[in-house]
């Protein structure tokens, strides 16, 4: 690709010859979000990224008054750099979606007969390559940073209309070209290397003409097989992507009656699509008889293999239809995650994996959230850019996901940037497929914990590295904190009366409490054990700021149930 090096430059962002104007539902009132503090450990990275975005022409300062102001969200990526997004929770409610139609996989296959050679081109920072018109940029995308207000000159990540707008623009710009567009991926093919290279050159010339920048690390050239919407497009035809059925094929055989009951619950849920289901499952049902001893034979193994084959092939497993609603069913057990993508109550794809050693120590509510977003990431190609319903048996997750993004823990914040989710509650015994997969999960062969790594960040000068270590030791030595941490990790009782008296004051905030690296956090605020509360009160009051400023500082950095009343009492006792 030496003739097209300009398309793969790392120091520029392309600018497509289109302009996006955001249309609003006028019945939704504008909103202004307050600025958020940036942890000291992230401050330099955030400043560097904002400066880079200024240089690239992605954002610009905004000094005029604007009706809409979103909050800024900074997420740490795997490589340690920072991604700057906006959290347009109010704006997204007002944006009118274009509802751009997408091609089905059958339509794509029909357009590429006798394809043998494939290439995939990936648009670099795709959304940022679409300019916004002046009204949308100034009026709607203003966001608050700790250093002043800025506005996006290009389409920002985080808005609900982004993927549909980008898909529409790309299809318009590549209309009539020998390729297919899948959001930020461009698929090129040919019946021979010569034909493929001819079309590839044509597409690269078009990319240069419209000033589209490409990501060299994600592009693939002259391959015989590429994944596409749950299928593998190969030189020998189209075949199912084994990734979407591996969780079923490699599901371990039941080792006892409870495991068999979960397996039968999953298969029974889909039994209406399985021919001769009762006959196939008869040997397994006999094992559940009250007077039957557990004895696994080849007959039982054959029944399991037969039912797995049915679950991973039509008519049970259906082709994904871009025009139908999508439902994700996700669950987290003590040791694993499981999920299924459904359309018309039939599975499109399955997935599962074990929890890492670190994830196994998450609080139960965070395991539930991890299961939910594991499903989103695995089924990203099916759900990105469209509303999706997610079923969970963890009621508190619904409460958490309805709250503003900045009130959640940092671990949760990083996961809430990409998807448009409607989370609904479903009783655990009704999550048949997801529950069975989470308990009979695949082993962990990758390193999922790398993306989930969570660094406890100092939120204020008050909490230096030395103080963080002191806080850990005091938390571990405090009996109330240890009871609280244990309750957070195993899950809160259903009844308030079942909670021990010393941790009852934390019940009202139970859905926002997490445990990480020996510390208890309420959102991004540290829980201060009783032995250190007097010291931190004195630190908050240092310099004798006003009572409102002192409470605001506490609200941003630390908490205990009586922190605000303690601050008021300290002011009454202050001689100055």
Protein backbone atom coordinates (compact mmCIF):
# COMPACT_ATOMS: atom_id res chain seq x y z
CA UNK A 1 0.00 0.00 0.00
CA UNK A 2 2.99 2.29 -0.48
CA UNK A 3 1.03 4.34 -3.05
CA UNK A 4 -1.59 5.14 -0.42
CA UNK A 5 0.51 6.01 2.62
CA UNK A 6 -1.33 9.33 2.96
CA UNK A 7 -4.53 7.44 3.84
CA UNK A 8 -2.88 5.80 6.86
CA UNK A 9 -1.23 8.78 8.55
CA UNK A 10 -1.40 8.73 12.34
CA UNK A 11 -1.07 12.48 12.89
CA UNK A 12 -4.25 13.58 11.10
CA UNK A 13 -7.99 12.96 11.11
CA UNK A 14 -9.88 12.96 7.81
CA UNK A 15 -12.71 15.37 7.03
CA UNK A 16 -15.44 13.95 4.82
CA UNK A 17 -17.29 16.20 2.32
CA UNK A 18 -20.59 15.99 4.25
CA UNK A 19 -22.11 17.95 7.10
CA UNK A 20 -24.32 16.64 9.85
CA UNK A 21 -27.17 18.72 11.25
CA UNK A 22 -28.73 17.41 14.45
CA UNK A 23 -32.52 17.50 14.53
CA UNK A 24 -34.26 17.83 17.89
CA UNK A 25 -37.57 16.96 19.43
CA UNK A 26 -38.62 20.47 20.40
CA UNK A 27 -40.78 19.19 23.26
CA UNK A 28 -37.63 18.19 25.20
CA UNK A 29 -36.22 21.10 27.18
CA UNK A 30 -32.50 21.99 27.02
CA UNK A 31 -30.29 21.04 29.94
CA UNK A 32 -26.95 22.18 31.35
CA UNK A 33 -24.76 19.69 33.23
CA UNK A 34 -22.37 20.77 35.95
CA UNK A 35 -18.61 20.28 35.46
CA UNK A 36 -16.95 17.25 37.01
CA UNK A 37 -13.63 17.13 38.76
CA UNK A 38 -10.82 15.19 37.16
CA UNK A 39 -8.75 12.86 39.36
CA UNK A 40 -5.23 14.18 39.82
CA UNK A 41 -3.74 11.00 38.38
CA UNK A 42 -5.63 11.62 35.11
CA UNK A 43 -5.30 15.39 34.87
CA UNK A 44 -2.18 15.52 32.69
CA UNK A 45 -3.53 12.83 30.35
CA UNK A 46 -6.84 14.68 29.97
CA UNK A 47 -5.05 17.97 29.26
CA UNK A 48 -2.81 16.32 26.65
CA UNK A 49 -5.77 14.69 24.91
CA UNK A 50 -7.78 17.92 24.85
CA UNK A 51 -4.78 19.74 23.36
CA UNK A 52 -4.40 17.01 20.74
CA UNK A 53 -8.09 17.34 19.84
CA UNK A 54 -7.65 21.11 19.49
CA UNK A 55 -4.70 20.58 17.11
CA UNK A 56 -6.64 18.05 15.03
CA UNK A 57 -9.62 20.37 14.69
CA UNK A 58 -11.99 18.06 16.57
CA UNK A 59 -12.97 20.59 19.26
CA UNK A 60 -12.71 24.34 19.81
CA UNK A 61 -13.25 26.70 22.77
CA UNK A 62 -16.78 28.00 23.26
CA UNK A 63 -17.35 31.33 24.98
CA UNK A 64 -20.95 32.16 24.01
CA UNK A 65 -23.92 31.09 26.14
CA UNK A 66 -25.51 27.85 24.88
CA UNK A 67 -28.82 26.15 25.83
CA UNK A 68 -27.30 22.66 25.92
CA UNK A 69 -24.15 21.81 27.88
CA UNK A 70 -23.09 18.18 28.38
CA UNK A 71 -20.64 16.84 30.89
CA UNK A 72 -17.25 15.54 29.81
CA UNK A 73 -16.37 11.89 30.39
CA UNK A 74 -12.75 10.70 30.30
CA UNK A 75 -12.11 6.96 29.93
CA UNK A 76 -8.71 5.28 30.22
CA UNK A 77 -8.00 2.98 27.25
CA UNK A 78 -6.01 -0.25 27.35
CA UNK A 79 -2.83 1.48 26.19
CA UNK A 80 -3.03 4.02 29.03
CA UNK A 81 -4.17 6.93 26.89
CA UNK A 82 -7.43 8.78 27.50
CA UNK A 83 -10.55 8.94 25.34
CA UNK A 84 -12.57 12.14 25.71
CA UNK A 85 -16.30 11.69 25.26
CA UNK A 86 -19.37 13.62 26.24
CA UNK A 87 -22.14 12.25 28.43
CA UNK A 88 -25.16 13.68 26.55
CA UNK A 89 -27.75 11.97 28.73
CA UNK A 90 -30.24 14.82 28.25
CA UNK A 91 -29.36 15.59 24.63
CA UNK A 92 -29.86 11.98 23.56
CA UNK A 93 -33.46 12.15 24.77
CA UNK A 94 -34.08 15.04 22.37
CA UNK A 95 -32.15 13.88 19.28
CA UNK A 96 -34.32 12.57 16.44
CA UNK A 97 -32.83 9.41 14.95
CA UNK A 98 -32.66 9.08 11.14
CA UNK A 99 -33.58 5.34 11.31
CA UNK A 100 -31.33 4.56 8.39
CA UNK A 101 -32.03 1.06 6.96
CA UNK A 102 -29.24 -1.51 6.98
CA UNK A 103 -28.68 -4.37 4.57
CA UNK A 104 -29.30 -7.93 5.71
CA UNK A 105 -26.53 -10.52 5.40
CA UNK A 106 -28.54 -12.27 2.69
CA UNK A 107 -28.56 -9.07 0.60
CA UNK A 108 -24.82 -8.65 1.00
CA UNK A 109 -24.14 -12.26 0.03
CA UNK A 110 -26.33 -11.89 -3.06
CA UNK A 111 -24.24 -8.90 -4.17
CA UNK A 112 -20.93 -10.78 -4.05
CA UNK A 113 -21.23 -14.08 -5.94
CA UNK A 114 -18.04 -16.12 -6.47
CA UNK A 115 -16.06 -13.96 -4.03
CA UNK A 116 -12.70 -15.57 -3.19
CA UNK A 117 -10.45 -12.77 -1.91
CA UNK A 118 -11.41 -10.14 0.68
CA UNK A 119 -10.13 -6.95 2.30
CA UNK A 120 -11.48 -4.92 5.21
CA UNK A 121 -10.73 -1.20 5.55
CA UNK A 122 -11.37 0.48 8.90
CA UNK A 123 -12.15 4.19 9.12
CA UNK A 124 -9.91 5.87 11.69
CA UNK A 125 -11.94 7.59 14.44
CA UNK A 126 -14.91 7.37 12.11
CA UNK A 127 -17.31 9.77 13.85
CA UNK A 128 -14.66 12.46 14.08
CA UNK A 129 -14.36 12.51 10.29
CA UNK A 130 -17.90 13.94 9.89
CA UNK A 131 -18.09 17.74 10.31
CA UNK A 132 -21.00 19.31 12.16
CA UNK A 133 -22.81 22.37 10.88
CA UNK A 134 -22.37 25.56 12.90
CA UNK A 135 -25.75 25.38 14.64
CA UNK A 136 -25.30 21.80 15.83
CA UNK A 137 -21.69 22.40 16.86
CA UNK A 138 -22.29 25.52 18.90
CA UNK A 139 -25.82 24.95 20.17
CA UNK A 140 -25.82 21.24 20.96
CA UNK A 141 -22.32 19.80 21.47
CA UNK A 142 -20.92 22.26 23.99
CA UNK A 143 -19.44 20.35 26.91
CA UNK A 144 -17.94 21.33 30.23
CA UNK A 145 -14.30 20.62 31.00
CA UNK A 146 -12.43 21.54 34.20
CA UNK A 147 -10.68 24.20 32.11
CA UNK A 148 -13.69 25.86 30.47
CA UNK A 149 -16.36 25.05 27.90
CA UNK A 150 -15.57 23.51 24.52
CA UNK A 151 -17.62 22.46 21.51
CA UNK A 152 -17.22 19.64 19.03
CA UNK A 153 -16.55 20.61 15.43
CA UNK A 154 -16.93 16.96 14.37
CA UNK A 155 -19.55 14.39 15.35
CA UNK A 156 -18.81 13.32 18.95
CA UNK A 157 -18.86 9.84 20.38
CA UNK A 158 -21.69 9.27 22.83
CA UNK A 159 -24.64 10.63 20.86
CA UNK A 160 -27.43 8.16 20.11
CA UNK A 161 -27.64 9.02 16.40
CA UNK A 162 -23.93 8.60 15.65
CA UNK A 163 -23.72 5.15 14.07
CA UNK A 164 -26.79 5.60 11.85
CA UNK A 165 -25.58 8.97 10.62
CA UNK A 166 -22.11 7.60 9.92
CA UNK A 167 -23.54 4.57 8.08
CA UNK A 168 -25.73 6.80 5.93
CA UNK A 169 -22.87 9.17 5.08
CA UNK A 170 -20.52 6.33 4.18
CA UNK A 171 -23.10 4.66 1.95
CA UNK A 172 -23.75 7.97 0.17
CA UNK A 173 -20.05 8.68 -0.34
CA UNK A 174 -19.35 5.15 -1.64
CA UNK A 175 -22.55 4.78 -3.68
CA UNK A 176 -21.90 2.79 -6.85
CA UNK A 177 -18.52 1.56 -5.60
CA UNK A 178 -17.67 -2.19 -5.48
CA UNK A 179 -17.85 -2.51 -1.68
CA UNK A 180 -20.17 -2.96 1.29
CA UNK A 181 -20.25 -0.62 4.28
CA UNK A 182 -20.65 -1.89 7.83
CA UNK A 183 -20.55 1.30 9.96
CA UNK A 184 -16.79 2.07 9.99
CA UNK A 185 -15.72 -1.07 8.06
CA UNK A 186 -15.51 -1.23 4.27
CA UNK A 187 -15.68 -4.73 2.77
CA UNK A 188 -14.04 -5.31 -0.65
CA UNK A 189 -13.95 -8.64 -2.50
CA UNK A 190 -13.08 -10.22 -5.83
CA UNK A 191 -13.37 -13.57 -7.61
CA UNK A 192 -9.58 -13.50 -8.13
CA UNK A 193 -6.59 -11.64 -6.74
CA UNK A 194 -6.50 -9.51 -9.89
CA UNK A 195 -10.15 -8.53 -9.65
CA UNK A 196 -9.85 -7.92 -5.90
CA UNK A 197 -6.81 -5.66 -6.36
CA UNK A 198 -8.64 -3.73 -9.08
CA UNK A 199 -11.62 -3.03 -6.80
CA UNK A 200 -9.36 -2.33 -3.81
CA UNK A 201 -7.47 0.31 -5.79
CA UNK A 202 -10.80 1.80 -6.83
CA UNK A 203 -11.95 2.06 -3.21
CA UNK A 204 -8.64 3.47 -1.99
CA UNK A 205 -8.79 6.11 -4.73
CA UNK A 206 -12.31 6.97 -3.62
CA UNK A 207 -11.18 7.18 0.03
CA UNK A 208 -8.44 9.59 -1.00
CA UNK A 209 -10.91 11.67 -3.04
CA UNK A 210 -13.28 12.11 -0.09
CA UNK A 211 -10.43 12.55 2.42
CA UNK A 212 -11.23 9.44 4.45
CA UNK A 213 -8.43 8.42 6.84
CA UNK A 214 -7.92 4.70 7.56
CA UNK A 215 -6.63 2.85 10.60
CA UNK A 216 -3.66 0.68 9.52
CA UNK A 217 -3.82 -1.54 12.62
CA UNK A 218 -7.37 -2.68 11.86
CA UNK A 219 -7.26 -3.04 8.09
CA UNK A 220 -6.86 -6.52 6.55
CA UNK A 221 -5.77 -7.12 2.96
CA UNK A 222 -6.09 -10.08 0.56
CA UNK A 223 -7.50 -12.59 3.04
CA UNK A 224 -9.56 -15.66 2.17
CA UNK A 225 -11.99 -15.27 5.08
CA UNK A 226 -13.53 -12.33 6.96
CA UNK A 227 -16.18 -12.14 9.72
CA UNK A 228 -19.39 -10.33 8.88
CA UNK A 229 -22.45 -9.98 11.17
CA UNK A 230 -22.11 -13.40 12.77
CA UNK A 231 -20.98 -15.18 9.59
CA UNK A 232 -17.68 -15.95 7.95
CA UNK A 233 -17.44 -14.87 4.34
CA UNK A 234 -14.93 -17.28 2.86
CA UNK A 235 -13.53 -18.36 -0.50
CA UNK A 236 -15.60 -21.55 -0.20
CA UNK A 237 -18.86 -19.78 0.58
CA UNK A 238 -20.63 -18.47 3.65
CA UNK A 239 -20.48 -20.40 6.91
CA UNK A 240 -21.56 -19.70 10.49
CA UNK A 241 -19.04 -17.95 12.68
CA UNK A 242 -17.98 -20.59 15.23
CA UNK A 243 -17.57 -17.86 17.85
CA UNK A 244 -21.32 -17.44 18.18
CA UNK A 245 -21.96 -21.13 18.94
CA UNK A 246 -18.74 -22.09 20.75
CA UNK A 247 -20.36 -21.50 24.14
CA UNK A 248 -22.86 -24.28 23.40
CA UNK A 249 -20.57 -26.70 21.56
CA UNK A 250 -17.93 -26.57 24.31
CA UNK A 251 -20.38 -26.45 27.21
CA UNK A 252 -19.27 -29.10 29.74
CA UNK A 253 -21.59 -32.04 30.31
CA UNK A 254 -23.70 -31.88 33.52
CA UNK A 255 -21.92 -33.45 36.49
CA UNK A 256 -24.86 -33.64 38.91
CA UNK A 257 -28.62 -33.23 39.07
CA UNK A 258 -28.64 -29.42 39.67
CA UNK A 259 -26.38 -28.90 36.61
CA UNK A 260 -28.64 -31.17 34.55
CA UNK A 261 -31.73 -29.26 35.69
CA UNK A 262 -30.16 -25.98 34.51
CA UNK A 263 -29.25 -27.55 31.17
CA UNK A 264 -32.80 -28.90 30.73
CA UNK A 265 -34.24 -25.53 31.71
CA UNK A 266 -32.28 -23.91 28.88
CA UNK A 267 -33.23 -26.54 26.28
CA UNK A 268 -36.87 -26.60 27.37
CA UNK A 269 -37.06 -22.83 26.82
CA UNK A 270 -36.22 -23.46 23.13
CA UNK A 271 -38.00 -26.82 22.84
CA UNK A 272 -40.82 -25.50 20.64
CA UNK A 273 -38.28 -25.07 17.84
CA UNK A 274 -36.70 -28.54 18.25
CA UNK A 275 -38.18 -31.49 16.36
CA UNK A 276 -38.74 -34.61 18.52
CA UNK A 277 -37.51 -32.79 21.60
CA UNK A 278 -39.16 -35.09 24.15
CA UNK A 279 -37.76 -38.20 22.49
CA UNK A 280 -34.23 -36.80 22.38
CA UNK A 281 -34.29 -35.70 26.01
CA UNK A 282 -35.97 -38.79 27.46
CA UNK A 283 -32.70 -40.41 28.77
CA UNK A 284 -31.80 -37.16 30.56
CA UNK A 285 -35.22 -36.77 32.16
CA UNK A 286 -34.90 -40.27 33.61
CA UNK A 287 -31.80 -39.16 35.55
CA UNK A 288 -33.93 -36.62 37.41
CA UNK A 289 -36.37 -39.14 38.78
CA UNK A 290 -36.43 -39.12 42.58
CA UNK A 291 -35.44 -42.80 42.85
CA UNK A 292 -32.74 -42.62 40.13
CA UNK A 293 -29.05 -42.72 41.00
CA UNK A 294 -26.67 -40.45 39.11
CA UNK A 295 -24.99 -42.55 36.44
CA UNK A 296 -23.77 -40.84 33.28
CA UNK A 297 -23.57 -43.15 30.25
CA UNK A 298 -22.90 -42.88 26.52
CA UNK A 299 -26.65 -42.68 25.98
CA UNK A 300 -26.84 -39.51 28.06
CA UNK A 301 -23.77 -38.01 26.36
CA UNK A 302 -25.31 -38.73 22.95
CA UNK A 303 -28.53 -36.96 23.97
CA UNK A 304 -26.53 -33.89 25.05
CA UNK A 305 -24.55 -33.85 21.79
CA UNK A 306 -27.75 -34.17 19.75
CA UNK A 307 -29.47 -31.32 21.55
CA UNK A 308 -26.36 -29.12 21.20
CA UNK A 309 -26.43 -29.72 17.45
CA UNK A 310 -30.07 -28.59 17.35
CA UNK A 311 -29.36 -25.49 19.44
CA UNK A 312 -26.57 -24.36 17.10
CA UNK A 313 -28.32 -24.84 13.75
CA UNK A 314 -31.59 -23.75 12.11
CA UNK A 315 -34.45 -23.59 12.87
CA UNK A 316 -33.45 -22.97 16.51
CA UNK A 317 -30.48 -20.74 15.70
CA UNK A 318 -31.74 -18.06 13.34
CA UNK A 319 -30.06 -15.61 11.01
CA UNK A 320 -29.71 -12.09 12.35
CA UNK A 321 -32.29 -9.70 10.88
CA UNK A 322 -31.32 -6.01 11.00
CA UNK A 323 -34.99 -5.01 10.85
CA UNK A 324 -36.10 -6.90 13.97
CA UNK A 325 -35.69 -5.85 17.62
CA UNK A 326 -32.81 -7.38 19.56
CA UNK A 327 -32.94 -8.73 23.11
CA UNK A 328 -29.84 -9.64 25.09
CA UNK A 329 -30.23 -11.99 28.03
CA UNK A 330 -27.23 -11.82 30.38
CA UNK A 331 -26.34 -13.41 33.69
CA UNK A 332 -23.37 -13.66 36.05
CA UNK A 333 -22.77 -16.56 38.40
CA UNK A 334 -20.14 -16.81 41.10
CA UNK A 335 -17.53 -18.01 38.63
CA UNK A 336 -18.72 -17.16 35.10
CA UNK A 337 -20.68 -15.01 32.66
CA UNK A 338 -23.27 -16.13 30.14
CA UNK A 339 -25.39 -14.37 27.52
CA UNK A 340 -27.54 -14.99 24.48
CA UNK A 341 -28.67 -12.67 21.66
CA UNK A 342 -32.34 -13.23 20.81
CA UNK A 343 -34.74 -12.26 18.03
CA UNK A 344 -38.33 -13.52 18.05
CA UNK A 345 -37.44 -15.58 21.16
CA UNK A 346 -34.89 -17.56 19.16
CA UNK A 347 -31.13 -17.36 19.65
CA UNK A 348 -28.89 -15.62 17.16
CA UNK A 349 -25.66 -16.24 19.09
CA UNK A 350 -24.43 -17.59 22.43
CA UNK A 351 -21.45 -16.65 24.55
CA UNK A 352 -19.89 -17.39 27.95
CA UNK A 353 -16.62 -17.18 29.80
CA UNK A 354 -15.10 -17.65 33.24
CA UNK A 355 -14.45 -14.74 35.58
CA UNK A 356 -10.84 -13.80 36.13
CA UNK A 357 -9.42 -13.97 39.63
CA UNK A 358 -9.87 -10.21 39.97
CA UNK A 359 -13.42 -10.21 38.62
CA UNK A 360 -14.42 -13.01 41.00
CA UNK A 361 -13.78 -10.53 43.85
CA UNK A 362 -16.15 -7.91 42.40
CA UNK A 363 -19.26 -7.04 44.38
CA UNK A 364 -22.30 -8.97 43.16
CA UNK A 365 -23.84 -5.90 41.61
CA UNK A 366 -20.66 -5.28 39.60
CA UNK A 367 -20.62 -8.91 38.46
CA UNK A 368 -24.15 -8.39 37.19
CA UNK A 369 -23.05 -5.26 35.35
CA UNK A 370 -19.99 -7.03 33.98
CA UNK A 371 -22.24 -9.78 32.61
CA UNK A 372 -24.45 -7.20 30.96
CA UNK A 373 -21.58 -5.44 29.22
CA UNK A 374 -19.80 -8.68 28.37
CA UNK A 375 -22.94 -9.48 26.36
CA UNK A 376 -22.83 -6.05 24.71
CA UNK A 377 -19.18 -6.37 23.71
CA UNK A 378 -19.58 -9.92 22.41
CA UNK A 379 -22.68 -9.00 20.40
CA UNK A 380 -21.38 -5.56 19.46
CA UNK A 381 -21.91 -6.12 15.73
CA UNK A 382 -25.61 -6.80 16.32
CA UNK A 383 -26.43 -3.96 18.70
CA UNK A 384 -24.06 -1.04 18.19
CA UNK A 385 -25.89 2.13 17.27
CA UNK A 386 -29.40 0.85 17.92
CA UNK A 387 -31.65 0.61 20.98
CA UNK A 388 -31.42 -2.81 22.58
CA UNK A 389 -33.33 -4.44 25.42
CA UNK A 390 -31.22 -6.27 28.00
CA UNK A 391 -32.73 -8.78 30.42
CA UNK A 392 -31.14 -9.10 33.85
CA UNK A 393 -32.14 -10.75 37.11
CA UNK A 394 -30.36 -8.04 39.11
CA UNK A 395 -32.94 -5.38 39.96
CA UNK A 396 -30.45 -2.77 41.36
CA UNK A 397 -28.76 -2.53 37.94
CA UNK A 398 -31.88 -0.89 36.55
CA UNK A 399 -31.72 1.76 39.26
CA UNK A 400 -28.01 2.40 38.64
CA UNK A 401 -28.33 2.72 34.87
CA UNK A 402 -31.09 5.31 35.23
CA UNK A 403 -28.83 7.65 37.18
CA UNK A 404 -26.41 10.23 35.71
CA UNK A 405 -23.14 8.71 34.55
CA UNK A 406 -20.89 10.59 36.97
CA UNK A 407 -22.66 9.14 40.02
CA UNK A 408 -21.52 5.63 39.11
CA UNK A 409 -18.17 4.08 40.00
CA UNK A 410 -15.31 4.60 37.55
CA UNK A 411 -15.44 0.93 36.59
CA UNK A 412 -19.08 1.34 35.57
CA UNK A 413 -18.51 4.67 33.82
CA UNK A 414 -16.07 3.18 31.30
CA UNK A 415 -18.69 0.67 30.20
CA UNK A 416 -21.58 3.10 29.78
CA UNK A 417 -20.20 5.07 26.85
CA UNK A 418 -21.04 2.97 23.81
CA UNK A 419 -24.49 1.43 23.91
CA UNK A 420 -28.13 2.52 23.97
CA UNK A 421 -29.59 0.10 26.52
CA UNK A 422 -33.01 -0.45 27.99
CA UNK A 423 -32.46 -2.79 30.94
CA UNK A 424 -35.46 -4.79 32.14
CA UNK A 425 -35.82 -7.10 35.11
CA UNK A 426 -36.53 -10.79 34.68
CA UNK A 427 -36.54 -13.34 37.47
CA UNK A 428 -33.44 -15.50 37.63
CA UNK A 429 -35.30 -18.73 37.00
CA UNK A 430 -36.62 -17.22 33.74
CA UNK A 431 -33.13 -16.40 32.35
CA UNK A 432 -32.88 -20.01 31.22
CA UNK A 433 -30.16 -19.76 28.60
CA UNK A 434 -27.96 -17.06 30.17
CA UNK A 435 -28.09 -18.69 33.60
CA UNK A 436 -27.09 -22.11 32.25
CA UNK A 437 -24.22 -20.63 30.22
CA UNK A 438 -22.87 -18.58 33.15
CA UNK A 439 -22.69 -21.70 35.33
CA UNK A 440 -21.36 -24.02 32.60
CA UNK A 441 -19.08 -21.42 31.06
CA UNK A 442 -16.11 -21.67 28.76
CA UNK A 443 -12.67 -21.36 30.39
CA UNK A 444 -10.91 -18.04 30.10
CA UNK A 445 -8.41 -18.28 27.26
CA UNK A 446 -7.92 -14.56 26.75
CA UNK A 447 -7.18 -11.82 29.25
CA UNK A 448 -10.52 -10.07 29.73
CA UNK A 449 -9.27 -8.52 32.92
CA UNK A 450 -6.90 -6.28 30.96
CA UNK A 451 -9.81 -4.20 29.71
CA UNK A 452 -11.37 -4.20 33.16
CA UNK A 453 -8.26 -3.14 35.10
CA UNK A 454 -9.34 -0.62 37.70
CA UNK A 455 -6.97 1.83 39.27
CA UNK A 456 -8.07 3.60 42.42
CA UNK A 457 -7.35 7.24 41.71
CA UNK A 458 -6.73 10.01 44.23
CA UNK A 459 -9.56 12.51 43.84
CA UNK A 460 -8.02 15.35 45.79
CA UNK A 461 -4.80 16.56 47.31
CA UNK A 462 -6.21 15.44 50.66
CA UNK A 463 -5.72 11.82 49.56
CA UNK A 464 -2.03 11.38 48.80
CA UNK A 465 -0.46 7.99 48.10
CA UNK A 466 0.55 7.74 51.76
CA UNK A 467 -2.99 8.55 52.86
CA UNK A 468 -4.42 5.97 50.47
CA UNK A 469 -2.34 3.27 52.15
CA UNK A 470 -3.34 4.53 55.58
CA UNK A 471 -6.97 4.48 54.47
CA UNK A 472 -6.65 0.85 53.34
CA UNK A 473 -5.15 -0.22 56.65
CA UNK A 474 -7.78 1.63 58.68
CA UNK A 475 -10.57 0.19 56.54
CA UNK A 476 -9.27 -3.33 57.10
CA UNK A 477 -8.99 -2.73 60.86
CA UNK A 478 -12.50 -1.27 61.17
CA UNK A 479 -15.11 -3.94 62.04
CA UNK A 480 -18.00 -1.95 60.54
CA UNK A 481 -16.13 -1.40 57.27
CA UNK A 482 -15.30 -5.09 57.03
CA UNK A 483 -18.93 -6.09 57.60
CA UNK A 484 -19.98 -3.52 55.01
CA UNK A 485 -17.40 -4.77 52.48
CA UNK A 486 -18.51 -8.36 52.99
CA UNK A 487 -22.16 -7.42 52.47
CA UNK A 488 -21.33 -5.49 49.29
CA UNK A 489 -19.41 -8.44 47.86
CA UNK A 490 -21.98 -11.17 48.57
CA UNK A 491 -25.07 -9.00 48.02
CA UNK A 492 -27.48 -7.16 50.33
CA UNK A 493 -30.31 -9.06 52.06
CA UNK A 494 -33.81 -8.56 50.69
CA UNK A 495 -35.12 -7.27 54.01
CA UNK A 496 -33.82 -4.23 55.89
CA UNK A 497 -34.39 -6.13 59.16
CA UNK A 498 -31.82 -8.75 58.14
CA UNK A 499 -29.03 -6.15 57.98
CA UNK A 500 -26.69 -5.74 60.92
CA UNK A 501 -27.38 -2.52 62.83
CA UNK A 502 -23.98 -0.87 62.29
CA UNK A 503 -24.24 -0.98 58.48
CA UNK A 504 -27.93 -0.04 58.21
CA UNK A 505 -27.05 3.64 57.58
CA UNK A 506 -25.48 2.50 54.29
CA UNK A 507 -28.62 0.71 53.06
CA UNK A 508 -30.07 3.68 51.18
CA UNK A 509 -26.89 3.96 49.06
CA UNK A 510 -26.31 0.19 48.70
CA UNK A 511 -26.60 0.18 44.90
CA UNK A 512 -23.77 2.72 44.57
CA UNK A 513 -21.25 1.05 46.89
CA UNK A 514 -18.31 -0.96 45.55
CA UNK A 515 -15.18 -2.55 46.96
CA UNK A 516 -11.83 -2.28 45.23
CA UNK A 517 -8.30 -3.01 46.39
CA UNK A 518 -9.28 -2.92 50.06
CA UNK A 519 -11.21 0.34 49.78
CA UNK A 520 -14.95 1.01 49.86
CA UNK A 521 -16.25 3.56 47.36
CA UNK A 522 -19.56 5.38 46.99
CA UNK A 523 -19.42 6.23 43.30
CA UNK A 524 -15.98 7.85 43.14
CA UNK A 525 -15.90 8.87 46.83
CA UNK A 526 -13.90 7.02 49.45
CA UNK A 527 -15.64 5.62 52.52
CA UNK A 528 -13.78 6.90 55.58
CA UNK A 529 -13.67 4.58 58.63
CA UNK A 530 -14.52 6.01 62.05
CA UNK A 531 -10.90 6.20 63.21
CA UNK A 532 -9.99 8.69 60.43
CA UNK A 533 -13.16 10.80 60.29
CA UNK A 534 -11.89 13.42 62.75
CA UNK A 535 -8.67 13.87 60.77
CA UNK A 536 -10.49 14.30 57.45
CA UNK A 537 -12.94 16.76 59.00
CA UNK A 538 -9.98 18.92 59.98
CA UNK A 539 -8.54 18.63 56.47
CA UNK A 540 -11.84 19.65 54.90
CA UNK A 541 -12.05 22.62 57.24
CA UNK A 542 -8.43 23.68 56.65
CA UNK A 543 -8.25 27.30 55.51
CA UNK A 544 -11.73 27.90 56.95
CA UNK A 545 -13.76 27.80 53.73
CA UNK A 546 -17.50 28.36 53.88
CA UNK A 547 -19.79 25.54 54.91
CA UNK A 548 -21.09 25.09 51.37
CA UNK A 549 -17.57 24.85 49.96
CA UNK A 550 -16.61 22.33 52.64
CA UNK A 551 -19.65 20.16 51.93
CA UNK A 552 -18.97 20.37 48.20
CA UNK A 553 -15.39 19.26 48.73
CA UNK A 554 -16.55 16.31 50.83
CA UNK A 555 -19.15 15.45 48.18
CA UNK A 556 -16.40 15.15 45.59
CA UNK A 557 -13.89 13.12 47.57
CA UNK A 558 -15.15 11.21 50.61
CA UNK A 559 -18.16 10.12 52.60
CA UNK A 560 -19.51 8.48 55.72
CA UNK A 561 -23.20 8.46 56.69
CA UNK A 562 -23.01 11.50 58.99
CA UNK A 563 -20.40 13.52 57.08
CA UNK A 564 -22.63 16.55 56.42
CA UNK A 565 -24.00 16.80 59.96
CA UNK A 566 -20.44 16.39 61.27
CA UNK A 567 -19.31 19.28 59.06
CA UNK A 568 -22.11 21.47 60.40
CA UNK A 569 -21.17 20.58 63.98
CA UNK A 570 -17.50 21.35 63.34
CA UNK A 571 -18.48 24.80 62.03
CA UNK A 572 -20.52 25.49 65.17
CA UNK A 573 -17.51 24.58 67.33
CA UNK A 574 -15.01 26.57 65.25
CA UNK A 575 -13.89 29.71 67.14
CA UNK A 576 -13.15 31.63 63.93
